[in-house]
Every structure is written in C-alpha cells, then in structure tokens.
Amino acid sequence: MVRRFVICVALTGACNDHGESELAHIRDEVCACKTTSCADDALKSVPQHDMPSNARTQKIAREMIDCVARLHEEGRPTEDPDASTQADRR
C-alpha cells in the first residue's frame, strides 16, 4: 500500500515537473524579448489547460510578469522634463 502511494506521488511529481519546465521555457522566451509585442507573442504559448498551482509555478509566473512589466516600463516615455532623450545621447 505504501509502495503504491510513493509511486503515485512520484508519477504526479514527474507530470508537474513537465508543466513547470514548459512554463520555465516560456518565461525564458518572455524575458529574452526586447519588445512588448515579442513578449505578448511568447505569452500566447502559455498552456490554457488546468495546471496545478504551487509555489514553483507561481514563482515562474511572477518572473514572467516582472519581465513584461520591465519591457512596458522601458517603453514608457519619461515624465521628467530634465531627463535626457535618446536623441541627446547620440
């Protein structure tokens, strides 16, 4: 009985690892993007099926969101009138 339980837990863990590795791969794609449109396209490949929510998948999702937020922040014009622009740097 205990042996069956251990096998079931091991198999369930293996399935979750695949889902987590898939999410991690997508996170790497999103974080490698230089534009928001690239990140949006990469996010479209996130699986739409039910995926177990655990600390690891939530951490990966948070990292993806941080990367997208960084891209949006970089693309936003500054509100500081004294800040240098791209043209000033050239």
PDB file of N, CA and C in Angstrom:
ATOM      1  N   MET A   1       0.818  -1.184   0.000  1.00  0.00           N
ATOM      2  CA  MET A   1       0.000   0.000   0.000  1.00  0.00           C
ATOM      3  C   MET A   1       0.867   1.254   0.000  1.00  0.00           C
ATOM      4  N   VAL A   2       1.855   1.316   0.853  1.00  0.00           N
ATOM      5  CA  VAL A   2       2.743   2.466   0.932  1.00  0.00           C
ATOM      6  C   VAL A   2       3.533   2.594  -0.372  1.00  0.00           C
ATOM      7  N   ARG A   3       3.930   1.464  -0.908  1.00  0.00           N
ATOM      8  CA  ARG A   3       4.694   1.471  -2.153  1.00  0.00           C
ATOM      9  C   ARG A   3       3.872   2.090  -3.286  1.00  0.00           C
ATOM     10  N   ARG A   4       2.595   1.753  -3.365  1.00  0.00           N
ATOM     11  CA  ARG A   4       1.719   2.324  -4.399  1.00  0.00           C
ATOM     12  C   ARG A   4       1.585   3.828  -4.220  1.00  0.00           C
ATOM     13  N   PHE A   5       1.444   4.255  -2.989  1.00  0.00           N
ATOM     14  CA  PHE A   5       1.334   5.684  -2.717  1.00  0.00           C
ATOM     15  C   PHE A   5       2.588   6.423  -3.167  1.00  0.00           C
ATOM     16  N   VAL A   6       3.738   5.879  -2.871  1.00  0.00           N
ATOM     17  CA  VAL A   6       5.007   6.505  -3.248  1.00  0.00           C
ATOM     18  C   VAL A   6       5.125   6.585  -4.773  1.00  0.00           C
ATOM     19  N   ILE A   7       4.720   5.540  -5.467  1.00  0.00           N
ATOM     20  CA  ILE A   7       4.773   5.535  -6.927  1.00  0.00           C
ATOM     21  C   ILE A   7       3.826   6.591  -7.497  1.00  0.00           C
ATOM     22  N   CYS A   8       2.629   6.682  -6.931  1.00  0.00           N
ATOM     23  CA  CYS A   8       1.672   7.691  -7.405  1.00  0.00           C
ATOM     24  C   CYS A   8       2.203   9.104  -7.196  1.00  0.00           C
ATOM     25  N   VAL A   9       2.796   9.345  -6.065  1.00  0.00           N
ATOM     26  CA  VAL A   9       3.361  10.668  -5.786  1.00  0.00           C
ATOM     27  C   VAL A   9       4.503  10.956  -6.748  1.00  0.00           C
ATOM     28  N   ALA A  10       5.339   9.966  -7.021  1.00  0.00           N
ATOM     29  CA  ALA A  10       6.456  10.155  -7.945  1.00  0.00           C
ATOM     30  C   ALA A  10       5.959  10.461  -9.353  1.00  0.00           C
ATOM     31  N   LEU A  11       4.938   9.751  -9.797  1.00  0.00           N
ATOM     32  CA  LEU A  11       4.393   9.990 -11.133  1.00  0.00           C
ATOM     33  C   LEU A  11       3.731  11.351 -11.225  1.00  0.00           C
ATOM     34  N   THR A  12       3.025  11.743 -10.198  1.00  0.00           N
ATOM     35  CA  THR A  12       2.394  13.061 -10.181  1.00  0.00           C
ATOM     36  C   THR A  12       3.457  14.145 -10.209  1.00  0.00           C
ATOM     37  N   GLY A  13       4.504  13.971  -9.481  1.00  0.00           N
ATOM     38  CA  GLY A  13       5.602  14.936  -9.468  1.00  0.00           C
ATOM     39  C   GLY A  13       6.271  15.047 -10.817  1.00  0.00           C
ATOM     40  N   ALA A  14       6.417  13.942 -11.516  1.00  0.00           N
ATOM     41  CA  ALA A  14       7.028  13.964 -12.837  1.00  0.00           C
ATOM     42  C   ALA A  14       6.166  14.749 -13.814  1.00  0.00           C
ATOM     43  N   CYS A  15       4.857  14.593 -13.727  1.00  0.00           N
ATOM     44  CA  CYS A  15       3.959  15.344 -14.601  1.00  0.00           C
ATOM     45  C   CYS A  15       4.032  16.830 -14.298  1.00  0.00           C
ATOM     46  N   ASN A  16       4.090  17.175 -13.042  1.00  0.00           N
ATOM     47  CA  ASN A  16       4.183  18.583 -12.665  1.00  0.00           C
ATOM     48  C   ASN A  16       5.499  19.186 -13.120  1.00  0.00           C
ATOM     49  N   ASP A  17       6.575  18.412 -13.057  1.00  0.00           N
ATOM     50  CA  ASP A  17       7.865  18.915 -13.495  1.00  0.00           C
ATOM     51  C   ASP A  17       7.832  19.273 -14.969  1.00  0.00           C
ATOM     52  N   HIS A  18       7.096  18.474 -15.769  1.00  0.00           N
ATOM     53  CA  HIS A  18       6.990  18.782 -17.195  1.00  0.00           C
ATOM     54  C   HIS A  18       6.276  20.121 -17.383  1.00  0.00           C
ATOM     55  N   GLY A  19       5.184  20.318 -16.661  1.00  0.00           N
ATOM     56  CA  GLY A  19       4.457  21.577 -16.758  1.00  0.00           C
ATOM     57  C   GLY A  19       5.297  22.748 -16.294  1.00  0.00           C
ATOM     58  N   GLU A  20       6.041  22.552 -15.234  1.00  0.00           N
ATOM     59  CA  GLU A  20       6.908  23.608 -14.723  1.00  0.00           C
ATOM     60  C   GLU A  20       8.039  23.906 -15.687  1.00  0.00           C
ATOM     61  N   SER A  21       8.593  22.866 -16.294  1.00  0.00           N
ATOM     62  CA  SER A  21       9.681  23.097 -17.249  1.00  0.00           C
ATOM     63  C   SER A  21       9.156  23.802 -18.493  1.00  0.00           C
ATOM     64  N   GLU A  22       7.922  23.499 -18.885  1.00  0.00           N
ATOM     65  CA  GLU A  22       7.309  24.185 -20.015  1.00  0.00           C
ATOM     66  C   GLU A  22       7.115  25.667 -19.685  1.00  0.00           C
ATOM     67  N   LEU A  23       6.625  25.955 -18.488  1.00  0.00           N
ATOM     68  CA  LEU A  23       6.465  27.345 -18.058  1.00  0.00           C
ATOM     69  C   LEU A  23       7.813  28.061 -17.966  1.00  0.00           C
ATOM     70  N   ALA A  24       8.811  27.362 -17.460  1.00  0.00           N
ATOM     71  CA  ALA A  24      10.143  27.962 -17.338  1.00  0.00           C
ATOM     72  C   ALA A  24      10.706  28.298 -18.717  1.00  0.00           C
ATOM     73  N   HIS A  25      10.466  27.446 -19.693  1.00  0.00           N
ATOM     74  CA  HIS A  25      10.924  27.692 -21.060  1.00  0.00           C
ATOM     75  C   HIS A  25      10.237  28.942 -21.616  1.00  0.00           C
ATOM     76  N   ILE A  26       8.934  29.064 -21.392  1.00  0.00           N
ATOM     77  CA  ILE A  26       8.193  30.237 -21.858  1.00  0.00           C
ATOM     78  C   ILE A  26       8.683  31.488 -21.137  1.00  0.00           C
ATOM     79  N   ARG A  27       8.953  31.363 -19.836  1.00  0.00           N
ATOM     80  CA  ARG A  27       9.493  32.502 -19.073  1.00  0.00           C
ATOM     81  C   ARG A  27      10.814  32.972 -19.676  1.00  0.00           C
ATOM     82  N   ASP A  28      11.668  32.022 -20.053  1.00  0.00           N
ATOM     83  CA  ASP A  28      12.950  32.379 -20.655  1.00  0.00           C
ATOM     84  C   ASP A  28      12.752  33.119 -21.975  1.00  0.00           C
ATOM     85  N   GLU A  29      11.763  32.680 -22.762  1.00  0.00           N
ATOM     86  CA  GLU A  29      11.463  33.359 -24.027  1.00  0.00           C
ATOM     87  C   GLU A  29      10.967  34.784 -23.767  1.00  0.00           C
ATOM     88  N   VAL A  30      10.050  34.915 -22.809  1.00  0.00           N
ATOM     89  CA  VAL A  30       9.485  36.235 -22.492  1.00  0.00           C
ATOM     90  C   VAL A  30      10.583  37.170 -22.007  1.00  0.00           C
ATOM     91  N   CYS A  31      11.430  36.696 -21.125  1.00  0.00           N
ATOM     92  CA  CYS A  31      12.472  37.548 -20.548  1.00  0.00           C
ATOM     93  C   CYS A  31      13.585  37.877 -21.553  1.00  0.00           C
ATOM     94  N   ALA A  32      13.703  37.096 -22.619  1.00  0.00           N
ATOM     95  CA  ALA A  32      14.696  37.380 -23.650  1.00  0.00           C
ATOM     96  C   ALA A  32      14.200  38.417 -24.650  1.00  0.00           C
ATOM     97  N   CYS A  33      12.920  38.724 -24.631  1.00  0.00           N
ATOM     98  CA  CYS A  33      12.332  39.672 -25.579  1.00  0.00           C
ATOM     99  C   CYS A  33      12.822  41.090 -25.323  1.00  0.00           C
ATOM    100  N   LYS A  34      12.912  41.840 -26.406  1.00  0.00           N
ATOM    101  CA  LYS A  34      13.317  43.244 -26.324  1.00  0.00           C
ATOM    102  C   LYS A  34      12.136  44.182 -26.536  1.00  0.00           C
ATOM    103  N   THR A  35      10.989  43.653 -27.005  1.00  0.00           N
ATOM    104  CA  THR A  35       9.806  44.476 -27.239  1.00  0.00           C
ATOM    105  C   THR A  35       8.603  43.846 -26.551  1.00  0.00           C
ATOM    106  N   THR A  36       7.604  44.667 -26.294  1.00  0.00           N
ATOM    107  CA  THR A  36       6.397  44.154 -25.653  1.00  0.00           C
ATOM    108  C   THR A  36       5.617  43.234 -26.585  1.00  0.00           C
ATOM    109  N   SER A  37       5.660  43.490 -27.877  1.00  0.00           N
ATOM    110  CA  SER A  37       4.946  42.615 -28.811  1.00  0.00           C
ATOM    111  C   SER A  37       5.565  41.227 -28.835  1.00  0.00           C
ATOM    112  N   CYS A  38       6.870  41.147 -28.736  1.00  0.00           N
ATOM    113  CA  CYS A  38       7.549  39.849 -28.664  1.00  0.00           C
ATOM    114  C   CYS A  38       7.113  39.105 -27.405  1.00  0.00           C
ATOM    115  N   ALA A  39       7.066  39.808 -26.284  1.00  0.00           N
ATOM    116  CA  ALA A  39       6.655  39.189 -25.023  1.00  0.00           C
ATOM    117  C   ALA A  39       5.208  38.733 -25.082  1.00  0.00           C
ATOM    118  N   ASP A  40       4.353  39.545 -25.693  1.00  0.00           N
ATOM    119  CA  ASP A  40       2.948  39.158 -25.825  1.00  0.00           C
ATOM    120  C   ASP A  40       2.800  37.902 -26.670  1.00  0.00           C
ATOM    121  N   ASP A  41       3.579  37.807 -27.747  1.00  0.00           N
ATOM    122  CA  ASP A  41       3.537  36.611 -28.589  1.00  0.00           C
ATOM    123  C   ASP A  41       4.016  35.382 -27.816  1.00  0.00           C
ATOM    124  N   ALA A  42       5.061  35.539 -27.019  1.00  0.00           N
ATOM    125  CA  ALA A  42       5.572  34.418 -26.233  1.00  0.00           C
ATOM    126  C   ALA A  42       4.556  33.991 -25.173  1.00  0.00           C
ATOM    127  N   LEU A  43       3.845  34.950 -24.593  1.00  0.00           N
ATOM    128  CA  LEU A  43       2.848  34.624 -23.574  1.00  0.00           C
ATOM    129  C   LEU A  43       1.666  33.849 -24.144  1.00  0.00           C
ATOM    130  N   LYS A  44       1.429  33.987 -25.434  1.00  0.00           N
ATOM    131  CA  LYS A  44       0.339  33.238 -26.065  1.00  0.00           C
ATOM    132  C   LYS A  44       0.581  31.738 -26.036  1.00  0.00           C
ATOM    133  N   SER A  45       1.822  31.324 -25.839  1.00  0.00           N
ATOM    134  CA  SER A  45       2.126  29.887 -25.805  1.00  0.00           C
ATOM    135  C   SER A  45       1.969  29.282 -24.413  1.00  0.00           C
ATOM    136  N   VAL A  46       1.539  30.081 -23.442  1.00  0.00           N
ATOM    137  CA  VAL A  46       1.266  29.538 -22.101  1.00  0.00           C
ATOM    138  C   VAL A  46       0.088  28.579 -22.219  1.00  0.00           C
ATOM    139  N   PRO A  47       0.214  27.369 -21.686  1.00  0.00           N
ATOM    140  CA  PRO A  47      -0.871  26.383 -21.800  1.00  0.00           C
ATOM    141  C   PRO A  47      -2.170  26.890 -21.191  1.00  0.00           C
ATOM    142  N   GLN A  48      -3.267  26.636 -21.885  1.00  0.00           N
ATOM    143  CA  GLN A  48      -4.573  27.073 -21.409  1.00  0.00           C
ATOM    144  C   GLN A  48      -5.275  26.019 -20.566  1.00  0.00           C
ATOM    145  N   HIS A  49      -4.714  24.818 -20.517  1.00  0.00           N
ATOM    146  CA  HIS A  49      -5.322  23.756 -19.716  1.00  0.00           C
ATOM    147  C   HIS A  49      -5.009  23.959 -18.244  1.00  0.00           C
ATOM    148  N   ASP A  50      -5.734  23.235 -17.415  1.00  0.00           N
ATOM    149  CA  ASP A  50      -5.519  23.350 -15.969  1.00  0.00           C
ATOM    150  C   ASP A  50      -4.121  22.877 -15.613  1.00  0.00           C
ATOM    151  N   MET A  51      -3.403  23.741 -14.948  1.00  0.00           N
ATOM    152  CA  MET A  51      -2.068  23.398 -14.478  1.00  0.00           C
ATOM    153  C   MET A  51      -2.075  23.594 -12.969  1.00  0.00           C
ATOM    154  N   PRO A  52      -1.510  22.665 -12.249  1.00  0.00           N
ATOM    155  CA  PRO A  52      -1.537  22.811 -10.797  1.00  0.00           C
ATOM    156  C   PRO A  52      -0.806  24.084 -10.364  1.00  0.00           C
ATOM    157  N   SER A  53      -1.406  24.767  -9.430  1.00  0.00           N
ATOM    158  CA  SER A  53      -0.803  25.975  -8.897  1.00  0.00           C
ATOM    159  C   SER A  53      -0.056  25.613  -7.624  1.00  0.00           C
ATOM    160  N   ASN A  54       1.237  25.830  -7.667  1.00  0.00           N
ATOM    161  CA  ASN A  54       2.055  25.602  -6.476  1.00  0.00           C
ATOM    162  C   ASN A  54       3.087  26.720  -6.391  1.00  0.00           C
ATOM    163  N   ALA A  55       3.907  26.671  -5.407  1.00  0.00           N
ATOM    164  CA  ALA A  55       4.874  27.751  -5.184  1.00  0.00           C
ATOM    165  C   ALA A  55       5.813  27.925  -6.374  1.00  0.00           C
ATOM    166  N   ARG A  56       6.216  26.819  -6.991  1.00  0.00           N
ATOM    167  CA  ARG A  56       7.156  26.926  -8.112  1.00  0.00           C
ATOM    168  C   ARG A  56       6.507  27.537  -9.347  1.00  0.00           C
ATOM    169  N   THR A  57       5.289  27.103  -9.689  1.00  0.00           N
ATOM    170  CA  THR A  57       4.623  27.668 -10.874  1.00  0.00           C
ATOM    171  C   THR A  57       4.256  29.133 -10.632  1.00  0.00           C
ATOM    172  N   GLN A  58       3.891  29.480  -9.404  1.00  0.00           N
ATOM    173  CA  GLN A  58       3.586  30.872  -9.095  1.00  0.00           C
ATOM    174  C   GLN A  58       4.834  31.747  -9.196  1.00  0.00           C
ATOM    175  N   LYS A  59       5.976  31.217  -8.788  1.00  0.00           N
ATOM    176  CA  LYS A  59       7.234  31.958  -8.887  1.00  0.00           C
ATOM    177  C   LYS A  59       7.589  32.204 -10.348  1.00  0.00           C
ATOM    178  N   ILE A  60       7.425  31.186 -11.183  1.00  0.00           N
ATOM    179  CA  ILE A  60       7.714  31.328 -12.612  1.00  0.00           C
ATOM    180  C   ILE A  60       6.789  32.365 -13.231  1.00  0.00           C
ATOM    181  N   ALA A  61       5.503  32.311 -12.888  1.00  0.00           N
ATOM    182  CA  ALA A  61       4.533  33.276 -13.419  1.00  0.00           C
ATOM    183  C   ALA A  61       4.888  34.693 -12.974  1.00  0.00           C
ATOM    184  N   ARG A  62       5.291  34.849 -11.735  1.00  0.00           N
ATOM    185  CA  ARG A  62       5.679  36.165 -11.215  1.00  0.00           C
ATOM    186  C   ARG A  62       6.897  36.701 -11.979  1.00  0.00           C
ATOM    187  N   GLU A  63       7.846  35.826 -12.286  1.00  0.00           N
ATOM    188  CA  GLU A  63       9.031  36.243 -13.035  1.00  0.00           C
ATOM    189  C   GLU A  63       8.660  36.680 -14.453  1.00  0.00           C
ATOM    190  N   MET A  64       7.700  35.966 -15.078  1.00  0.00           N
ATOM    191  CA  MET A  64       7.235  36.366 -16.408  1.00  0.00           C
ATOM    192  C   MET A  64       6.601  37.752 -16.351  1.00  0.00           C
ATOM    193  N   ILE A  65       5.763  37.975 -15.354  1.00  0.00           N
ATOM    194  CA  ILE A  65       5.088  39.264 -15.208  1.00  0.00           C
ATOM    195  C   ILE A  65       6.111  40.376 -14.973  1.00  0.00           C
ATOM    196  N   ASP A  66       7.141  40.099 -14.184  1.00  0.00           N
ATOM    197  CA  ASP A  66       8.186  41.095 -13.937  1.00  0.00           C
ATOM    198  C   ASP A  66       8.904  41.470 -15.231  1.00  0.00           C
ATOM    199  N   CYS A  67       9.164  40.479 -16.081  1.00  0.00           N
ATOM    200  CA  CYS A  67       9.840  40.757 -17.351  1.00  0.00           C
ATOM    201  C   CYS A  67       8.960  41.606 -18.266  1.00  0.00           C
ATOM    202  N   VAL A  68       7.679  41.288 -18.328  1.00  0.00           N
ATOM    203  CA  VAL A  68       6.754  42.071 -19.151  1.00  0.00           C
ATOM    204  C   VAL A  68       6.636  43.487 -18.598  1.00  0.00           C
ATOM    205  N   ALA A  69       6.560  43.621 -17.296  1.00  0.00           N
ATOM    206  CA  ALA A  69       6.473  44.948 -16.671  1.00  0.00           C
ATOM    207  C   ALA A  69       7.717  45.768 -16.979  1.00  0.00           C
ATOM    208  N   ARG A  70       8.875  45.135 -16.961  1.00  0.00           N
ATOM    209  CA  ARG A  70      10.125  45.833 -17.280  1.00  0.00           C
ATOM    210  C   ARG A  70      10.089  46.359 -18.712  1.00  0.00           C
ATOM    211  N   LEU A  71       9.594  45.538 -19.647  1.00  0.00           N
ATOM    212  CA  LEU A  71       9.504  45.971 -21.040  1.00  0.00           C
ATOM    213  C   LEU A  71       8.547  47.150 -21.190  1.00  0.00           C
ATOM    214  N   HIS A  72       7.428  47.097 -20.491  1.00  0.00           N
ATOM    215  CA  HIS A  72       6.475  48.196 -20.559  1.00  0.00           C
ATOM    216  C   HIS A  72       7.067  49.468 -19.947  1.00  0.00           C
ATOM    217  N   GLU A  73       7.800  49.317 -18.876  1.00  0.00           N
ATOM    218  CA  GLU A  73       8.416  50.472 -18.220  1.00  0.00           C
ATOM    219  C   GLU A  73       9.482  51.103 -19.127  1.00  0.00           C
ATOM    220  N   GLU A  74      10.258  50.281 -19.814  1.00  0.00           N
ATOM    221  CA  GLU A  74      11.287  50.798 -20.717  1.00  0.00           C
ATOM    222  C   GLU A  74      10.666  51.523 -21.905  1.00  0.00           C
ATOM    223  N   GLY A  75       9.491  51.096 -22.337  1.00  0.00           N
ATOM    224  CA  GLY A  75       8.844  51.705 -23.485  1.00  0.00           C
ATOM    225  C   GLY A  75       8.041  52.947 -23.154  1.00  0.00           C
ATOM    226  N   ARG A  76       7.846  53.204 -21.891  1.00  0.00           N
ATOM    227  CA  ARG A  76       7.050  54.364 -21.461  1.00  0.00           C
ATOM    228  C   ARG A  76       7.913  55.621 -21.504  1.00  0.00           C
ATOM    229  N   PRO A  77       7.375  56.692 -22.082  1.00  0.00           N
ATOM    230  CA  PRO A  77       8.144  57.943 -22.081  1.00  0.00           C
ATOM    231  C   PRO A  77       8.265  58.496 -20.665  1.00  0.00           C
ATOM    232  N   THR A  78       9.364  59.154 -20.405  1.00  0.00           N
ATOM    233  CA  THR A  78       9.595  59.709 -19.080  1.00  0.00           C
ATOM    234  C   THR A  78       8.770  60.975 -18.877  1.00  0.00           C
ATOM    235  N   GLU A  79       8.413  61.240 -17.648  1.00  0.00           N
ATOM    236  CA  GLU A  79       7.675  62.451 -17.311  1.00  0.00           C
ATOM    237  C   GLU A  79       8.603  63.522 -16.760  1.00  0.00           C
ATOM    238  N   ASP A  80       9.877  63.191 -16.669  1.00  0.00           N
ATOM    239  CA  ASP A  80      10.870  64.131 -16.156  1.00  0.00           C
ATOM    240  C   ASP A  80      11.334  65.042 -17.289  1.00  0.00           C
ATOM    241  N   PRO A  81      11.066  66.346 -17.197  1.00  0.00           N
ATOM    242  CA  PRO A  81      11.457  67.248 -18.288  1.00  0.00           C
ATOM    243  C   PRO A  81      12.969  67.414 -18.413  1.00  0.00           C
ATOM    244  N   ASP A  82      13.707  67.104 -17.349  1.00  0.00           N
ATOM    245  CA  ASP A  82      15.158  67.254 -17.375  1.00  0.00           C
ATOM    246  C   ASP A  82      15.881  65.984 -17.814  1.00  0.00           C
ATOM    247  N   ALA A  83      15.138  64.909 -18.017  1.00  0.00           N
ATOM    248  CA  ALA A  83      15.760  63.640 -18.406  1.00  0.00           C
ATOM    249  C   ALA A  83      16.251  63.729 -19.836  1.00  0.00           C
ATOM    250  N   SER A  84      17.384  63.102 -20.088  1.00  0.00           N
ATOM    251  CA  SER A  84      17.910  63.104 -21.451  1.00  0.00           C
ATOM    252  C   SER A  84      17.100  62.154 -22.314  1.00  0.00           C
ATOM    253  N   THR A  85      16.999  62.449 -23.582  1.00  0.00           N
ATOM    254  CA  THR A  85      16.278  61.600 -24.524  1.00  0.00           C
ATOM    255  C   THR A  85      17.271  60.779 -25.318  1.00  0.00           C
ATOM    256  N   GLN A  86      16.776  59.868 -26.104  1.00  0.00           N
ATOM    257  CA  GLN A  86      17.640  59.034 -26.956  1.00  0.00           C
ATOM    258  C   GLN A  86      18.417  59.927 -27.920  1.00  0.00           C
ATOM    259  N   ALA A  87      17.789  60.983 -28.442  1.00  0.00           N
ATOM    260  CA  ALA A  87      18.460  61.863 -29.379  1.00  0.00           C
ATOM    261  C   ALA A  87      19.619  62.604 -28.712  1.00  0.00           C
ATOM    262  N   ASP A  88      19.466  62.943 -27.417  1.00  0.00           N
ATOM    263  CA  ASP A  88      20.532  63.639 -26.694  1.00  0.00           C
ATOM    264  C   ASP A  88      21.742  62.748 -26.478  1.00  0.00           C
ATOM    265  N   ARG A  89      21.537  61.472 -26.382  1.00  0.00           N
ATOM    266  CA  ARG A  89      22.630  60.533 -26.099  1.00  0.00           C
ATOM    267  C   ARG A  89      23.496  60.251 -27.309  1.00  0.00           C
ATOM    268  N   ARG A  90      23.009  60.566 -28.488  1.00  0.00           N
ATOM    269  CA  ARG A  90      23.752  60.237 -29.729  1.00  0.00           C
ATOM    270  C   ARG A  90      24.774  61.245 -30.061  1.00  0.00           C
TER     271      ARG A  90
END
